[in-house]
Amino acid sequence: MLVSPGITDHVTSGDISKIDLKEGVVHNQSTRAELRVQPMSGYVFEILETGGIKPLVETQLAQIN
């Protein structure tokens, strides 16, 4: 979950935003505003990078065998 209190004060419907989950930064490309947010944990980011929890567990199990 991405936690960003007050983000609705800085991003509105129709804005184009780029989110850096690892660093915890939201770049509102429409207004050029930059907001700091709580970054994703390393484990959650690893789940996203591997395509979900199932592929991650399969990869981990393959490394054990």
N, C-alpha and C. Protein backbone atom coordinates (compact mmCIF):
# COMPACT_ATOMS: atom_id res chain seq x y z
N MET A 1 0.84 -1.17 0.00
CA MET A 1 0.00 0.00 0.00
C MET A 1 0.89 1.24 0.00
N LEU A 2 0.52 2.21 -0.80
CA LEU A 2 1.23 3.48 -0.88
C LEU A 2 0.55 4.44 0.08
N VAL A 3 1.29 4.97 1.06
CA VAL A 3 0.73 5.87 2.06
C VAL A 3 1.22 7.28 1.78
N SER A 4 0.27 8.19 1.55
CA SER A 4 0.61 9.58 1.28
C SER A 4 -0.47 10.51 1.82
N PRO A 5 -0.39 10.82 3.11
CA PRO A 5 -1.39 11.74 3.67
C PRO A 5 -1.37 13.08 2.93
N GLY A 6 -2.55 13.58 2.60
CA GLY A 6 -2.67 14.88 1.96
C GLY A 6 -2.41 14.90 0.47
N ILE A 7 -2.25 13.73 -0.14
CA ILE A 7 -1.93 13.72 -1.58
C ILE A 7 -3.05 14.35 -2.40
N THR A 8 -4.29 14.25 -1.93
CA THR A 8 -5.40 14.83 -2.68
C THR A 8 -5.34 16.35 -2.73
N ASP A 9 -4.52 16.96 -1.88
CA ASP A 9 -4.31 18.41 -1.94
C ASP A 9 -3.36 18.79 -3.07
N HIS A 10 -2.63 17.82 -3.60
CA HIS A 10 -1.58 18.10 -4.58
C HIS A 10 -1.78 17.41 -5.93
N VAL A 11 -2.68 16.44 -5.98
CA VAL A 11 -2.94 15.71 -7.22
C VAL A 11 -4.45 15.70 -7.44
N THR A 12 -4.87 16.13 -8.61
CA THR A 12 -6.30 16.15 -8.91
C THR A 12 -6.60 15.29 -10.13
N SER A 13 -7.86 15.04 -10.34
CA SER A 13 -8.29 14.23 -11.47
C SER A 13 -7.77 14.82 -12.77
N GLY A 14 -7.18 13.97 -13.59
CA GLY A 14 -6.63 14.40 -14.87
C GLY A 14 -5.14 14.70 -14.84
N ASP A 15 -4.56 14.85 -13.64
CA ASP A 15 -3.11 15.08 -13.54
C ASP A 15 -2.37 13.83 -13.99
N ILE A 16 -1.22 14.03 -14.57
CA ILE A 16 -0.34 12.91 -14.95
C ILE A 16 0.75 12.83 -13.89
N SER A 17 0.86 11.66 -13.28
CA SER A 17 1.84 11.49 -12.20
C SER A 17 2.74 10.29 -12.48
N LYS A 18 3.93 10.39 -11.98
CA LYS A 18 4.91 9.30 -12.05
C LYS A 18 5.26 8.96 -10.60
N ILE A 19 5.18 7.69 -10.25
CA ILE A 19 5.40 7.28 -8.86
C ILE A 19 6.63 6.38 -8.80
N ASP A 20 7.58 6.75 -7.96
CA ASP A 20 8.77 5.94 -7.72
C ASP A 20 8.53 5.20 -6.40
N LEU A 21 8.08 3.95 -6.51
CA LEU A 21 7.73 3.17 -5.33
C LEU A 21 8.92 2.88 -4.43
N LYS A 22 10.06 2.66 -5.05
CA LYS A 22 11.26 2.31 -4.29
C LYS A 22 11.78 3.48 -3.46
N GLU A 23 11.77 4.68 -4.05
CA GLU A 23 12.28 5.86 -3.37
C GLU A 23 11.21 6.59 -2.57
N GLY A 24 9.94 6.33 -2.90
CA GLY A 24 8.85 6.99 -2.19
C GLY A 24 8.63 8.42 -2.63
N VAL A 25 8.55 8.63 -3.94
CA VAL A 25 8.35 9.98 -4.47
C VAL A 25 7.23 9.94 -5.52
N VAL A 26 6.31 10.90 -5.42
CA VAL A 26 5.28 11.08 -6.43
C VAL A 26 5.61 12.36 -7.17
N HIS A 27 5.81 12.24 -8.47
CA HIS A 27 6.09 13.40 -9.33
C HIS A 27 4.80 13.72 -10.07
N ASN A 28 4.19 14.86 -9.76
CA ASN A 28 3.02 15.30 -10.51
C ASN A 28 3.55 16.02 -11.74
N GLN A 29 3.49 15.36 -12.87
CA GLN A 29 4.07 15.91 -14.09
C GLN A 29 3.23 17.05 -14.66
N SER A 30 1.98 17.15 -14.23
CA SER A 30 1.13 18.24 -14.71
C SER A 30 1.46 19.56 -14.03
N THR A 31 1.76 19.50 -12.72
CA THR A 31 2.03 20.73 -11.96
C THR A 31 3.48 20.87 -11.56
N ARG A 32 4.28 19.85 -11.84
CA ARG A 32 5.69 19.78 -11.46
C ARG A 32 5.91 19.69 -9.94
N ALA A 33 4.84 19.36 -9.21
CA ALA A 33 4.95 19.17 -7.76
C ALA A 33 5.61 17.82 -7.49
N GLU A 34 6.34 17.75 -6.39
CA GLU A 34 6.98 16.50 -5.98
C GLU A 34 6.61 16.25 -4.53
N LEU A 35 6.09 15.07 -4.25
CA LEU A 35 5.64 14.72 -2.91
C LEU A 35 6.41 13.51 -2.40
N ARG A 36 6.78 13.54 -1.16
CA ARG A 36 7.41 12.39 -0.52
C ARG A 36 6.32 11.52 0.07
N VAL A 37 6.44 10.23 -0.15
CA VAL A 37 5.50 9.26 0.40
C VAL A 37 6.30 8.15 1.05
N GLN A 38 5.60 7.31 1.79
CA GLN A 38 6.26 6.17 2.42
C GLN A 38 6.64 5.18 1.32
N PRO A 39 7.94 4.87 1.17
CA PRO A 39 8.33 3.92 0.13
C PRO A 39 7.82 2.51 0.43
N MET A 40 7.70 1.72 -0.61
CA MET A 40 7.31 0.33 -0.43
C MET A 40 8.43 -0.41 0.30
N SER A 41 8.04 -1.37 1.11
CA SER A 41 9.05 -2.17 1.79
C SER A 41 9.79 -3.01 0.76
N GLY A 42 10.99 -3.41 1.10
CA GLY A 42 11.79 -4.23 0.20
C GLY A 42 11.09 -5.51 -0.20
N TYR A 43 10.38 -6.13 0.73
CA TYR A 43 9.70 -7.39 0.44
C TYR A 43 8.54 -7.18 -0.53
N VAL A 44 7.74 -6.14 -0.29
CA VAL A 44 6.61 -5.85 -1.18
C VAL A 44 7.13 -5.50 -2.57
N PHE A 45 8.21 -4.73 -2.63
CA PHE A 45 8.79 -4.37 -3.92
C PHE A 45 9.30 -5.62 -4.65
N GLU A 46 9.86 -6.55 -3.91
CA GLU A 46 10.34 -7.81 -4.51
C GLU A 46 9.17 -8.61 -5.09
N ILE A 47 8.04 -8.61 -4.40
CA ILE A 47 6.84 -9.29 -4.91
C ILE A 47 6.42 -8.67 -6.24
N LEU A 48 6.40 -7.34 -6.29
CA LEU A 48 6.01 -6.65 -7.53
C LEU A 48 6.99 -6.95 -8.66
N GLU A 49 8.28 -6.92 -8.36
CA GLU A 49 9.29 -7.16 -9.40
C GLU A 49 9.22 -8.56 -9.99
N THR A 50 8.82 -9.55 -9.19
CA THR A 50 8.76 -10.93 -9.68
C THR A 50 7.42 -11.27 -10.30
N GLY A 51 6.48 -10.34 -10.28
CA GLY A 51 5.20 -10.58 -10.93
C GLY A 51 4.12 -11.12 -10.01
N GLY A 52 4.33 -11.09 -8.72
CA GLY A 52 3.32 -11.54 -7.77
C GLY A 52 3.91 -12.50 -6.75
N ILE A 53 3.10 -12.83 -5.76
CA ILE A 53 3.58 -13.68 -4.67
C ILE A 53 3.86 -15.11 -5.15
N LYS A 54 3.02 -15.63 -6.05
CA LYS A 54 3.22 -17.01 -6.52
C LYS A 54 4.56 -17.17 -7.25
N PRO A 55 4.89 -16.30 -8.23
CA PRO A 55 6.19 -16.43 -8.88
C PRO A 55 7.36 -16.23 -7.90
N LEU A 56 7.18 -15.37 -6.92
CA LEU A 56 8.25 -15.16 -5.93
C LEU A 56 8.50 -16.44 -5.12
N VAL A 57 7.42 -17.04 -4.64
CA VAL A 57 7.56 -18.27 -3.85
C VAL A 57 8.14 -19.40 -4.71
N GLU A 58 7.70 -19.50 -5.96
CA GLU A 58 8.25 -20.52 -6.85
C GLU A 58 9.74 -20.33 -7.06
N THR A 59 10.18 -19.08 -7.23
CA THR A 59 11.59 -18.78 -7.38
C THR A 59 12.37 -19.14 -6.13
N GLN A 60 11.82 -18.78 -4.99
CA GLN A 60 12.49 -19.09 -3.72
C GLN A 60 12.59 -20.59 -3.50
N LEU A 61 11.53 -21.33 -3.82
CA LEU A 61 11.56 -22.80 -3.66
C LEU A 61 12.56 -23.44 -4.62
N ALA A 62 12.66 -22.91 -5.83
CA ALA A 62 13.61 -23.45 -6.80
C ALA A 62 15.05 -23.26 -6.34
N GLN A 63 15.30 -22.18 -5.61
CA GLN A 63 16.64 -21.90 -5.11
C GLN A 63 17.03 -22.84 -3.99
N ILE A 64 16.04 -23.36 -3.27
CA ILE A 64 16.30 -24.30 -2.17
C ILE A 64 16.66 -25.67 -2.72
N ASN A 65 16.00 -26.07 -3.79
CA ASN A 65 16.22 -27.42 -4.35
C ASN A 65 17.43 -27.49 -5.20
